[in-house]
Amino acid sequence: MKTIGVIGVGRMGHGIAANLLKAGWPLVFLDHPGNRPTGDIEVAGARRVGRVADIAAQCDTIILVVTGAPQVKAVLAGPGGLLEHLRPGTVIIDCSTSLPETTRAIAPKVAKAGGLFLDAPMTRTPKEAAEGRLNLFVGGDVALLDAQRPMLGCFAENIIHAGEIGSGHALKLLHNFVSLGFAAVLNEAAVAARESGVALDVFCDVLAKGGGRSTALDRLAPAFTEGDTSGFNFTIANAAKDLGYYLEMTRALGLEPEAAEALAEVYGARERSGQGEKLVSEMVALT
């Protein structure tokens, strides 16, 4: 089996790494302060290295699970980055949430260095990452994707080909715009229900039986009724970042994203007030 490298063993990358190891893939990961504790995956056989160059030297496929576009560019094209050390034929799969234009700009550089590139951002939460049930939206060559499916299937339940390079990241931003919009509306409505004297279990039940039925409600209802915030385990800071990316993408397309501008301010204002590391599912309690 080919050796897989993972750069970014954080909230999502840790689950990806653990499931690859469980399926028997040899795995190398980059030591980084942003990683979650890695003792368990090292016991399972993962090898820790200290430099990006070591990942490039040892791995046939490299999965990026970093914060966003600046980190993707730094890991790939920054000083000492992967592109300086890439072996011919190495496949790079970017599972980060990034900008489509960043992806479309970096892919030719990967090709020039002798590598192959897919953008494959994910949805769902760290819980599904640990269970191997992520959704992947993949941009790039279909044949290359098909060759990677056995490996990707170790940590993804649904693998959707979105189109050409950059389409995966575009689809992820579209998805998160809608999902985070639902979440903001539901949190605001739950506060209004509570202050109006409407029991939150009744509020959730009525929505679930009518026009408010959604995955977002399924994930947020336990937070509203039981204080269980694990169902929407996504930080306000990440929400603000993703909506900022969505605004950048849509403005570059010549669109006027009025709803997204308002939504970005909902999350952005909370981040500026110091609530960035709180979860979206905690917003009802923070208001």
Protein backbone atom coordinates (compact mmCIF):
# COMPACT_ATOMS: atom_id res chain seq x y z
CA MET A 1 0.00 0.00 0.00
CA LYS A 2 1.17 3.50 -0.75
CA THR A 3 2.29 5.73 2.11
CA ILE A 4 -0.09 8.55 3.01
CA GLY A 5 1.06 11.85 4.49
CA VAL A 6 -1.23 14.05 6.56
CA ILE A 7 -0.48 17.71 7.22
CA GLY A 8 -2.94 18.97 9.82
CA VAL A 9 -3.89 16.45 12.52
CA GLY A 10 -6.38 18.76 14.18
CA ARG A 11 -10.12 18.50 14.86
CA MET A 12 -10.82 16.87 11.50
CA GLY A 13 -7.41 15.59 10.44
CA HIS A 14 -7.03 13.42 13.51
CA GLY A 15 -10.10 11.38 12.57
CA ILE A 16 -8.89 11.10 8.97
CA ALA A 17 -5.49 9.82 10.12
CA ALA A 18 -7.01 7.36 12.59
CA ASN A 19 -9.30 5.83 9.98
CA LEU A 20 -6.52 5.50 7.41
CA LEU A 21 -4.44 3.64 9.98
CA LYS A 22 -7.38 1.44 10.91
CA ALA A 23 -7.67 0.46 7.24
CA GLY A 24 -3.98 -0.47 7.12
CA TRP A 25 -2.51 2.45 5.21
CA PRO A 26 1.08 3.38 6.18
CA LEU A 27 0.87 6.96 7.48
CA VAL A 28 3.28 9.81 8.18
CA PHE A 29 2.15 13.08 9.76
CA LEU A 30 3.74 16.48 10.29
CA ASP A 31 4.44 17.45 13.89
CA HIS A 32 2.75 20.79 14.52
CA PRO A 33 1.51 22.74 17.59
CA GLY A 34 -2.00 22.79 16.09
CA ASN A 35 -2.30 19.00 16.13
CA ARG A 36 -4.54 17.22 18.58
CA PRO A 37 -2.71 14.77 20.89
CA THR A 38 -1.21 12.15 18.60
CA GLY A 39 -0.22 9.40 21.01
CA ASP A 40 -3.08 7.16 19.91
CA ILE A 41 -2.27 7.32 16.20
CA GLU A 42 1.44 6.81 16.92
CA VAL A 43 0.60 3.68 18.89
CA ALA A 44 -1.45 2.60 15.85
CA GLY A 45 1.63 2.97 13.64
CA ALA A 46 1.73 6.57 12.44
CA ARG A 47 5.19 8.09 12.09
CA ARG A 48 5.81 11.67 13.17
CA VAL A 49 8.19 13.89 11.15
CA GLY A 50 9.32 17.41 11.79
CA ARG A 51 9.61 18.92 8.31
CA VAL A 52 7.43 19.27 5.25
CA ALA A 53 10.41 17.97 3.26
CA ASP A 54 10.20 14.69 5.19
CA ILE A 55 6.54 14.30 4.22
CA ALA A 56 7.41 14.91 0.56
CA ALA A 57 10.28 12.42 0.67
CA GLN A 58 8.31 9.56 2.22
CA CYS A 59 4.75 9.86 0.91
CA ASP A 60 2.98 8.91 -2.31
CA THR A 61 -0.20 10.80 -1.44
CA ILE A 62 -0.35 13.88 0.81
CA ILE A 63 -3.58 15.08 2.43
CA LEU A 64 -3.80 18.69 3.58
CA VAL A 65 -6.21 19.45 6.43
CA VAL A 66 -5.14 22.99 7.34
CA THR A 67 -7.10 26.08 8.34
CA GLY A 68 -7.56 27.92 5.06
CA ALA A 69 -6.13 29.44 1.90
CA PRO A 70 -3.10 31.18 3.51
CA GLN A 71 -2.02 27.95 5.19
CA VAL A 72 -2.50 25.95 1.97
CA LYS A 73 -0.30 28.39 0.07
CA ALA A 74 2.34 28.35 2.82
CA VAL A 75 2.49 24.54 3.02
CA LEU A 76 2.69 24.13 -0.74
CA ALA A 77 4.49 27.17 -2.11
CA GLY A 78 6.09 28.86 0.89
CA PRO A 79 9.79 28.63 1.78
CA GLY A 80 10.62 24.97 2.36
CA GLY A 81 7.16 23.98 1.13
CA LEU A 82 6.07 20.80 -0.57
CA LEU A 83 6.65 22.10 -4.09
CA GLU A 84 10.36 22.45 -3.38
CA HIS A 85 10.65 18.77 -2.46
CA LEU A 86 7.85 17.00 -4.33
CA ARG A 87 8.61 13.65 -5.96
CA PRO A 88 7.19 13.09 -9.46
CA GLY A 89 3.75 11.48 -9.39
CA THR A 90 2.90 12.51 -5.82
CA VAL A 91 -0.82 13.14 -5.37
CA ILE A 92 -1.83 16.13 -3.22
CA ILE A 93 -5.40 16.18 -1.91
CA ASP A 94 -6.46 19.43 -0.27
CA CYS A 95 -9.23 18.71 2.24
CA SER A 96 -9.00 22.20 3.74
CA THR A 97 -11.65 24.87 3.28
CA SER A 98 -10.03 27.25 0.82
CA LEU A 99 -10.76 29.71 -1.96
CA PRO A 100 -11.43 28.33 -5.45
CA GLU A 101 -9.13 30.96 -6.98
CA THR A 102 -6.31 29.88 -4.65
CA THR A 103 -6.88 26.29 -5.73
CA ARG A 104 -6.93 27.15 -9.43
CA ALA A 105 -3.70 29.13 -9.01
CA ILE A 106 -1.84 26.45 -7.04
CA ALA A 107 -2.82 23.41 -9.15
CA PRO A 108 -0.61 24.35 -12.16
CA LYS A 109 2.32 24.87 -9.78
CA VAL A 110 1.80 21.36 -8.40
CA ALA A 111 1.72 20.01 -11.96
CA LYS A 112 4.90 21.92 -12.86
CA ALA A 113 6.62 20.32 -9.86
CA GLY A 114 5.57 16.88 -11.14
CA GLY A 115 2.60 16.28 -8.84
CA LEU A 116 -1.13 15.70 -9.24
CA PHE A 117 -3.79 17.71 -7.41
CA LEU A 118 -7.37 17.34 -6.20
CA ASP A 119 -9.34 19.75 -4.04
CA ALA A 120 -11.55 17.70 -1.72
CA PRO A 121 -13.01 19.83 1.09
CA MET A 122 -15.20 18.05 3.59
CA THR A 123 -18.40 18.60 5.49
CA ARG A 124 -19.75 17.19 8.76
CA THR A 125 -18.05 17.39 12.15
CA PRO A 126 -15.14 15.90 14.11
CA LYS A 127 -17.57 13.21 15.30
CA GLU A 128 -18.13 11.99 11.73
CA ALA A 129 -14.41 12.38 10.99
CA ALA A 130 -13.66 9.98 13.84
CA GLU A 131 -16.36 7.60 12.56
CA GLY A 132 -15.05 7.71 8.97
CA ARG A 133 -18.29 9.26 7.67
CA LEU A 134 -17.25 12.58 6.14
CA ASN A 135 -18.62 14.04 2.93
CA LEU A 136 -16.03 15.05 0.31
CA PHE A 137 -16.65 17.45 -2.59
CA VAL A 138 -13.89 16.79 -5.11
CA GLY A 139 -12.63 19.03 -7.89
CA GLY A 140 -10.25 17.71 -10.53
CA ASP A 141 -9.65 14.85 -12.92
CA VAL A 142 -12.24 12.05 -12.64
CA ALA A 143 -9.73 9.29 -13.35
CA LEU A 144 -7.41 10.61 -10.64
CA LEU A 145 -10.33 10.74 -8.20
CA ASP A 146 -11.37 7.19 -9.07
CA ALA A 147 -7.83 5.97 -8.38
CA GLN A 148 -7.99 7.58 -4.93
CA ARG A 149 -11.48 6.37 -3.96
CA PRO A 150 -10.34 3.25 -2.06
CA MET A 151 -8.18 5.40 0.17
CA LEU A 152 -10.68 8.27 0.50
CA GLY A 153 -13.43 5.80 1.32
CA CYS A 154 -11.63 4.91 4.54
CA PHE A 155 -12.71 8.23 6.03
CA ALA A 156 -15.52 9.48 3.76
CA GLU A 157 -19.05 8.13 3.46
CA ASN A 158 -19.98 10.22 0.42
CA ILE A 159 -17.49 11.25 -2.27
CA ILE A 160 -18.99 13.63 -4.82
CA HIS A 161 -17.22 14.79 -7.97
CA ALA A 162 -18.01 18.51 -8.20
CA GLY A 163 -16.26 19.30 -11.50
CA GLU A 164 -12.96 20.82 -12.55
CA ILE A 165 -10.20 21.98 -10.21
CA GLY A 166 -11.60 24.50 -7.72
CA SER A 167 -15.17 23.20 -7.98
CA GLY A 168 -14.84 21.23 -4.78
CA HIS A 169 -13.92 24.33 -2.82
CA ALA A 170 -16.69 26.33 -4.52
CA LEU A 171 -19.27 23.69 -3.59
CA LYS A 172 -18.02 23.59 0.01
CA LEU A 173 -18.47 27.36 0.33
CA LEU A 174 -21.96 27.15 -1.17
CA HIS A 175 -22.85 24.37 1.25
CA ASN A 176 -21.55 26.24 4.28
CA PHE A 177 -23.28 29.47 3.30
CA VAL A 178 -26.63 27.64 3.30
CA SER A 179 -25.89 25.54 6.40
CA LEU A 180 -24.61 28.46 8.47
CA GLY A 181 -27.53 30.58 7.29
CA PHE A 182 -29.96 27.96 8.61
CA ALA A 183 -28.02 27.82 11.88
CA ALA A 184 -28.08 31.59 12.38
CA VAL A 185 -31.82 31.79 11.70
CA LEU A 186 -32.56 28.87 14.03
CA ASN A 187 -30.44 30.28 16.86
CA GLU A 188 -32.08 33.69 16.57
CA ALA A 189 -35.56 32.17 16.42
CA ALA A 190 -34.83 29.94 19.43
CA VAL A 191 -33.88 32.99 21.50
CA ALA A 192 -37.09 34.75 20.42
CA ALA A 193 -39.11 31.63 21.28
CA ARG A 194 -37.52 31.40 24.72
CA GLU A 195 -38.12 35.09 25.48
CA SER A 196 -41.71 34.78 24.23
CA GLY A 197 -42.42 31.96 26.67
CA VAL A 198 -42.56 29.24 24.01
CA ALA A 199 -41.05 25.98 25.26
CA LEU A 200 -38.06 25.13 23.13
CA ASP A 201 -39.03 21.48 22.77
CA VAL A 202 -42.37 22.61 21.36
CA PHE A 203 -40.61 25.11 19.10
CA CYS A 204 -38.35 22.38 17.71
CA ASP A 205 -41.21 19.93 17.29
CA VAL A 206 -43.31 22.42 15.32
CA LEU A 207 -40.40 23.27 13.01
CA ALA A 208 -39.61 19.59 12.49
CA LYS A 209 -43.20 18.96 11.38
CA GLY A 210 -43.28 21.97 9.06
CA GLY A 211 -41.16 24.25 6.94
CA GLY A 212 -38.29 24.38 9.42
CA ARG A 213 -37.34 20.73 9.05
CA SER A 214 -33.64 20.45 8.18
CA THR A 215 -30.36 18.82 9.10
CA ALA A 216 -29.41 22.07 10.84
CA LEU A 217 -32.46 21.74 13.11
CA ASP A 218 -31.64 18.08 13.82
CA ARG A 219 -28.16 19.14 14.95
CA LEU A 220 -29.20 22.22 16.91
CA ALA A 221 -32.36 20.95 18.61
CA PRO A 222 -30.39 19.10 21.34
CA ALA A 223 -28.56 22.34 22.12
CA PHE A 224 -31.86 24.21 22.42
CA THR A 225 -33.65 21.61 24.52
CA GLU A 226 -30.93 19.77 26.46
CA GLY A 227 -27.83 21.98 26.32
CA ASP A 228 -26.04 19.32 24.26
CA THR A 229 -23.87 21.31 21.82
CA SER A 230 -22.05 18.35 20.25
CA GLY A 231 -24.32 18.12 17.21
CA PHE A 232 -23.04 21.31 15.53
CA ASN A 233 -19.41 21.20 16.58
CA PHE A 234 -18.21 24.15 14.48
CA THR A 235 -16.69 27.32 15.87
CA ILE A 236 -17.99 30.82 15.29
CA ALA A 237 -14.52 31.81 14.06
CA ASN A 238 -14.60 29.10 11.40
CA ALA A 239 -18.09 30.20 10.39
CA ALA A 240 -16.89 33.78 9.98
CA LYS A 241 -13.88 32.59 7.94
CA ASP A 242 -15.97 30.45 5.60
CA LEU A 243 -18.51 33.20 5.03
CA GLY A 244 -15.67 35.61 4.30
CA TYR A 245 -14.41 33.18 1.68
CA TYR A 246 -17.93 32.89 0.24
CA LEU A 247 -18.17 36.68 -0.05
CA GLU A 248 -14.79 36.81 -1.78
CA MET A 249 -15.80 34.07 -4.20
CA THR A 250 -19.16 35.56 -5.12
CA ARG A 251 -17.83 39.11 -5.50
CA ALA A 252 -15.13 37.77 -7.83
CA LEU A 253 -17.99 36.34 -9.92
CA GLY A 254 -19.55 39.81 -10.18
CA LEU A 255 -22.44 38.96 -7.87
CA GLU A 256 -23.96 41.04 -5.07
CA PRO A 257 -24.27 38.64 -2.10
CA GLU A 258 -26.62 40.68 0.05
CA ALA A 259 -27.82 37.82 2.26
CA ALA A 260 -24.27 36.58 2.74
CA GLU A 261 -23.09 40.04 3.77
CA ALA A 262 -25.70 40.16 6.53
CA LEU A 263 -24.91 36.62 7.60
CA ALA A 264 -21.17 37.28 7.68
CA GLU A 265 -21.81 40.19 10.02
CA VAL A 266 -23.83 37.96 12.39
CA TYR A 267 -20.85 35.66 12.89
CA GLY A 268 -18.17 38.31 12.42
CA ALA A 269 -19.59 40.53 15.16
CA ARG A 270 -19.54 37.62 17.59
CA GLU A 271 -15.97 36.78 16.69
CA ARG A 272 -14.89 40.39 17.21
CA SER A 273 -16.60 40.37 20.62
CA GLY A 274 -14.41 37.47 21.76
CA GLN A 275 -16.78 34.57 21.08
CA GLY A 276 -14.82 33.13 18.16
CA GLU A 277 -13.87 29.87 19.86
CA LYS A 278 -17.43 29.21 20.99
CA LEU A 279 -19.49 26.78 18.94
CA VAL A 280 -22.31 27.72 16.57
CA SER A 281 -24.48 25.43 18.71
CA GLU A 282 -23.72 27.62 21.75
CA MET A 283 -25.08 30.82 20.21
CA VAL A 284 -28.52 30.41 21.76
CA ALA A 285 -26.91 30.52 25.21
CA LEU A 286 -24.57 33.39 24.36
CA THR A 287 -27.27 35.85 23.30
